[in-house]
């Protein structure tokens, strides 16, 4: 697996994009970032001290977000880490949340672009509103299989 440990400049650029896109207060993490293709993972900063070039690594870090052409798409865990600091949040009621978590797009006229999805005090990931439809990015293996309303 090839990955890059991001330097402070790249790390700061990603945080600034997240702050701007989701209208958050200043984000500060005690973690470093690694990038594997277009995905960003959180890692312990101590990992930079290890000579990982000689190691065979299958997985590393906590999946945080994906760098898309049109913005940053937060993972479920990433949305939970930044959610309480963000203003670009879409609050779904219980019925809408169940539909959305089942993979069913929901009509929403709030705007366009990426939003963190919230219900009560919990964050469930990131969706994208395009043409008044909230699209789901929850991986199929993490979706609700049987829809119970």
C-alpha atoms as a PDB file:
ATOM      1  CA  UNK A   1       0.000   0.000   0.000  1.00  0.00           C
ATOM      2  CA  UNK A   2       1.383   3.394  -0.945  1.00  0.00           C
ATOM      3  CA  UNK A   3       0.510   6.344   1.261  1.00  0.00           C
ATOM      4  CA  UNK A   4       1.851   9.789   1.968  1.00  0.00           C
ATOM      5  CA  UNK A   5       2.099  11.393   5.397  1.00  0.00           C
ATOM      6  CA  UNK A   6       0.944  14.948   4.751  1.00  0.00           C
ATOM      7  CA  UNK A   7       3.195  17.820   5.732  1.00  0.00           C
ATOM      8  CA  UNK A   8       1.933  20.757   7.801  1.00  0.00           C
ATOM      9  CA  UNK A   9       1.153  22.867   4.710  1.00  0.00           C
ATOM     10  CA  UNK A  10      -1.058  20.194   3.075  1.00  0.00           C
ATOM     11  CA  UNK A  11      -2.603  19.313   6.455  1.00  0.00           C
ATOM     12  CA  UNK A  12      -3.544  22.961   7.001  1.00  0.00           C
ATOM     13  CA  UNK A  13      -4.987  23.297   3.465  1.00  0.00           C
ATOM     14  CA  UNK A  14      -7.342  20.356   4.028  1.00  0.00           C
ATOM     15  CA  UNK A  15      -8.491  21.698   7.393  1.00  0.00           C
ATOM     16  CA  UNK A  16      -9.095  25.142   5.868  1.00  0.00           C
ATOM     17  CA  UNK A  17     -11.182  23.611   3.063  1.00  0.00           C
ATOM     18  CA  UNK A  18     -13.274  21.694   5.603  1.00  0.00           C
ATOM     19  CA  UNK A  19     -13.714  24.826   7.738  1.00  0.00           C
ATOM     20  CA  UNK A  20     -14.871  26.827   4.724  1.00  0.00           C
ATOM     21  CA  UNK A  21     -17.079  24.137   3.167  1.00  0.00           C
ATOM     22  CA  UNK A  22     -18.920  23.196   6.372  1.00  0.00           C
ATOM     23  CA  UNK A  23     -18.712  26.662   7.977  1.00  0.00           C
ATOM     24  CA  UNK A  24     -16.901  25.440  11.078  1.00  0.00           C
ATOM     25  CA  UNK A  25     -14.968  27.204  13.737  1.00  0.00           C
ATOM     26  CA  UNK A  26     -11.184  26.649  13.695  1.00  0.00           C
ATOM     27  CA  UNK A  27     -10.416  22.919  13.653  1.00  0.00           C
ATOM     28  CA  UNK A  28      -7.518  21.573  15.701  1.00  0.00           C
ATOM     29  CA  UNK A  29      -6.601  17.901  15.813  1.00  0.00           C
ATOM     30  CA  UNK A  30      -3.928  16.053  17.746  1.00  0.00           C
ATOM     31  CA  UNK A  31      -3.580  13.729  14.767  1.00  0.00           C
ATOM     32  CA  UNK A  32      -1.678  13.703  11.531  1.00  0.00           C
ATOM     33  CA  UNK A  33      -3.127  12.978   8.091  1.00  0.00           C
ATOM     34  CA  UNK A  34      -2.100  10.368   5.586  1.00  0.00           C
ATOM     35  CA  UNK A  35      -3.413  10.275   2.044  1.00  0.00           C
ATOM     36  CA  UNK A  36      -4.114   7.112   0.093  1.00  0.00           C
ATOM     37  CA  UNK A  37      -5.291   8.081  -3.402  1.00  0.00           C
ATOM     38  CA  UNK A  38      -8.146  10.547  -2.727  1.00  0.00           C
ATOM     39  CA  UNK A  39      -8.891   9.431   0.858  1.00  0.00           C
ATOM     40  CA  UNK A  40      -7.600  11.080   4.020  1.00  0.00           C
ATOM     41  CA  UNK A  41      -7.011   9.088   7.204  1.00  0.00           C
ATOM     42  CA  UNK A  42      -6.245  10.278  10.730  1.00  0.00           C
ATOM     43  CA  UNK A  43      -3.130   8.800  12.323  1.00  0.00           C
ATOM     44  CA  UNK A  44      -1.077   9.299  15.442  1.00  0.00           C
ATOM     45  CA  UNK A  45       1.641  11.863  14.825  1.00  0.00           C
ATOM     46  CA  UNK A  46       4.115   9.339  16.248  1.00  0.00           C
ATOM     47  CA  UNK A  47       3.724   7.264  13.087  1.00  0.00           C
ATOM     48  CA  UNK A  48       5.935   9.769  11.246  1.00  0.00           C
ATOM     49  CA  UNK A  49       8.878   8.537  13.345  1.00  0.00           C
ATOM     50  CA  UNK A  50       8.553   4.946  12.087  1.00  0.00           C
ATOM     51  CA  UNK A  51      10.390   3.814   8.967  1.00  0.00           C
ATOM     52  CA  UNK A  52       7.251   2.452   7.327  1.00  0.00           C
ATOM     53  CA  UNK A  53       8.906   1.996   3.910  1.00  0.00           C
ATOM     54  CA  UNK A  54      10.120  -1.483   4.921  1.00  0.00           C
ATOM     55  CA  UNK A  55       6.793  -2.590   6.417  1.00  0.00           C
ATOM     56  CA  UNK A  56       3.945  -4.414   4.700  1.00  0.00           C
ATOM     57  CA  UNK A  57       0.869  -2.468   5.773  1.00  0.00           C
ATOM     58  CA  UNK A  58      -2.713  -3.424   4.881  1.00  0.00           C
ATOM     59  CA  UNK A  59      -4.666  -0.759   6.790  1.00  0.00           C
ATOM     60  CA  UNK A  60      -3.730   2.361   8.650  1.00  0.00           C
ATOM     61  CA  UNK A  61      -5.558   5.159  10.422  1.00  0.00           C
ATOM     62  CA  UNK A  62      -9.191   6.198  10.748  1.00  0.00           C
ATOM     63  CA  UNK A  63     -10.965   7.075   7.490  1.00  0.00           C
ATOM     64  CA  UNK A  64     -11.779  10.785   7.803  1.00  0.00           C
ATOM     65  CA  UNK A  65     -12.797  12.172   4.402  1.00  0.00           C
ATOM     66  CA  UNK A  66     -12.508  11.923   0.627  1.00  0.00           C
ATOM     67  CA  UNK A  67     -11.200  14.693  -1.595  1.00  0.00           C
ATOM     68  CA  UNK A  68     -13.718  15.070  -4.437  1.00  0.00           C
ATOM     69  CA  UNK A  69     -13.492  17.363  -7.469  1.00  0.00           C
ATOM     70  CA  UNK A  70     -16.340  19.484  -6.122  1.00  0.00           C
ATOM     71  CA  UNK A  71     -15.479  19.476  -2.417  1.00  0.00           C
ATOM     72  CA  UNK A  72     -14.708  17.307   0.575  1.00  0.00           C
ATOM     73  CA  UNK A  73     -16.972  14.414   1.516  1.00  0.00           C
ATOM     74  CA  UNK A  74     -16.730  13.525   5.198  1.00  0.00           C
ATOM     75  CA  UNK A  75     -16.892   9.929   6.422  1.00  0.00           C
ATOM     76  CA  UNK A  76     -19.345   8.945   9.148  1.00  0.00           C
ATOM     77  CA  UNK A  77     -16.555   9.171  11.729  1.00  0.00           C
ATOM     78  CA  UNK A  78     -15.289  12.425  10.215  1.00  0.00           C
ATOM     79  CA  UNK A  79     -18.767  13.956  10.485  1.00  0.00           C
ATOM     80  CA  UNK A  80     -18.878  12.939  14.145  1.00  0.00           C
ATOM     81  CA  UNK A  81     -15.498  14.570  14.808  1.00  0.00           C
ATOM     82  CA  UNK A  82     -16.337  17.947  13.231  1.00  0.00           C
ATOM     83  CA  UNK A  83     -20.148  17.961  13.502  1.00  0.00           C
ATOM     84  CA  UNK A  84     -20.539  20.003  16.684  1.00  0.00           C
ATOM     85  CA  UNK A  85     -18.318  22.717  15.201  1.00  0.00           C
ATOM     86  CA  UNK A  86     -20.109  22.890  11.818  1.00  0.00           C
ATOM     87  CA  UNK A  87     -22.980  25.095  10.686  1.00  0.00           C
ATOM     88  CA  UNK A  88     -23.610  23.456   7.308  1.00  0.00           C
ATOM     89  CA  UNK A  89     -25.672  20.673   8.814  1.00  0.00           C
ATOM     90  CA  UNK A  90     -28.882  19.092   7.598  1.00  0.00           C
ATOM     91  CA  UNK A  91     -31.201  17.932  10.393  1.00  0.00           C
ATOM     92  CA  UNK A  92     -33.318  14.929   9.388  1.00  0.00           C
ATOM     93  CA  UNK A  93     -36.328  13.634  11.314  1.00  0.00           C
ATOM     94  CA  UNK A  94     -36.489   9.939  12.246  1.00  0.00           C
ATOM     95  CA  UNK A  95     -38.427   8.908   9.122  1.00  0.00           C
ATOM     96  CA  UNK A  96     -36.138  10.795   6.738  1.00  0.00           C
ATOM     97  CA  UNK A  97     -33.072   9.397   8.484  1.00  0.00           C
ATOM     98  CA  UNK A  98     -34.280   5.794   8.130  1.00  0.00           C
ATOM     99  CA  UNK A  99     -34.924   6.319   4.423  1.00  0.00           C
ATOM    100  CA  UNK A 100     -31.575   8.009   3.897  1.00  0.00           C
ATOM    101  CA  UNK A 101     -29.664   5.324   5.845  1.00  0.00           C
ATOM    102  CA  UNK A 102     -31.378   2.711   3.664  1.00  0.00           C
ATOM    103  CA  UNK A 103     -29.869   4.321   0.583  1.00  0.00           C
ATOM    104  CA  UNK A 104     -32.997   6.107  -0.602  1.00  0.00           C
ATOM    105  CA  UNK A 105     -32.406   9.695  -1.811  1.00  0.00           C
ATOM    106  CA  UNK A 106     -34.582  12.310  -0.067  1.00  0.00           C
ATOM    107  CA  UNK A 107     -36.101  15.478  -1.470  1.00  0.00           C
ATOM    108  CA  UNK A 108     -34.596  18.540   0.200  1.00  0.00           C
ATOM    109  CA  UNK A 109     -34.649  22.170  -0.868  1.00  0.00           C
ATOM    110  CA  UNK A 110     -32.109  23.515   1.619  1.00  0.00           C
ATOM    111  CA  UNK A 111     -29.485  24.331  -1.005  1.00  0.00           C
ATOM    112  CA  UNK A 112     -26.818  22.413  -2.865  1.00  0.00           C
ATOM    113  CA  UNK A 113     -23.478  20.842  -2.092  1.00  0.00           C
ATOM    114  CA  UNK A 114     -22.228  18.678   0.749  1.00  0.00           C
ATOM    115  CA  UNK A 115     -23.936  18.734   4.162  1.00  0.00           C
ATOM    116  CA  UNK A 116     -23.337  16.859   7.382  1.00  0.00           C
ATOM    117  CA  UNK A 117     -26.389  14.761   8.219  1.00  0.00           C
ATOM    118  CA  UNK A 118     -27.692  14.913  11.775  1.00  0.00           C
ATOM    119  CA  UNK A 119     -30.579  13.530  13.831  1.00  0.00           C
ATOM    120  CA  UNK A 120     -30.885  14.722  17.430  1.00  0.00           C
ATOM    121  CA  UNK A 121     -27.346  14.882  18.822  1.00  0.00           C
ATOM    122  CA  UNK A 122     -25.921  12.266  16.455  1.00  0.00           C
ATOM    123  CA  UNK A 123     -24.130  12.718  13.132  1.00  0.00           C
ATOM    124  CA  UNK A 124     -24.582  10.055  10.451  1.00  0.00           C
ATOM    125  CA  UNK A 125     -22.179  11.098   7.727  1.00  0.00           C
ATOM    126  CA  UNK A 126     -22.245  13.396   4.759  1.00  0.00           C
ATOM    127  CA  UNK A 127     -24.752  13.779   1.956  1.00  0.00           C
ATOM    128  CA  UNK A 128     -24.817  15.873  -1.165  1.00  0.00           C
ATOM    129  CA  UNK A 129     -27.789  17.918  -2.289  1.00  0.00           C
ATOM    130  CA  UNK A 130     -28.048  18.175  -6.055  1.00  0.00           C
ATOM    131  CA  UNK A 131     -31.190  19.351  -7.849  1.00  0.00           C
ATOM    132  CA  UNK A 132     -33.145  19.322  -4.544  1.00  0.00           C
ATOM    133  CA  UNK A 133     -32.274  15.672  -3.818  1.00  0.00           C
ATOM    134  CA  UNK A 134     -30.138  14.615  -0.838  1.00  0.00           C
ATOM    135  CA  UNK A 135     -27.920  11.776  -2.033  1.00  0.00           C
ATOM    136  CA  UNK A 136     -26.460   9.172   0.302  1.00  0.00           C
ATOM    137  CA  UNK A 137     -22.780   8.247   0.593  1.00  0.00           C
ATOM    138  CA  UNK A 138     -23.162   5.672   3.359  1.00  0.00           C
ATOM    139  CA  UNK A 139     -21.341   2.525   2.177  1.00  0.00           C
ATOM    140  CA  UNK A 140     -23.702  -0.316   1.250  1.00  0.00           C
ATOM    141  CA  UNK A 141     -22.329  -2.530   4.002  1.00  0.00           C
ATOM    142  CA  UNK A 142     -23.248   0.117   6.610  1.00  0.00           C
ATOM    143  CA  UNK A 143     -26.772   0.842   5.360  1.00  0.00           C
ATOM    144  CA  UNK A 144     -29.982  -0.294   7.030  1.00  0.00           C
ATOM    145  CA  UNK A 145     -30.934  -3.503   5.252  1.00  0.00           C
ATOM    146  CA  UNK A 146     -34.607  -3.762   6.191  1.00  0.00           C
ATOM    147  CA  UNK A 147     -36.584  -0.558   6.218  1.00  0.00           C
ATOM    148  CA  UNK A 148     -38.831  -0.412   9.280  1.00  0.00           C
ATOM    149  CA  UNK A 149     -40.911   2.751   9.521  1.00  0.00           C
END
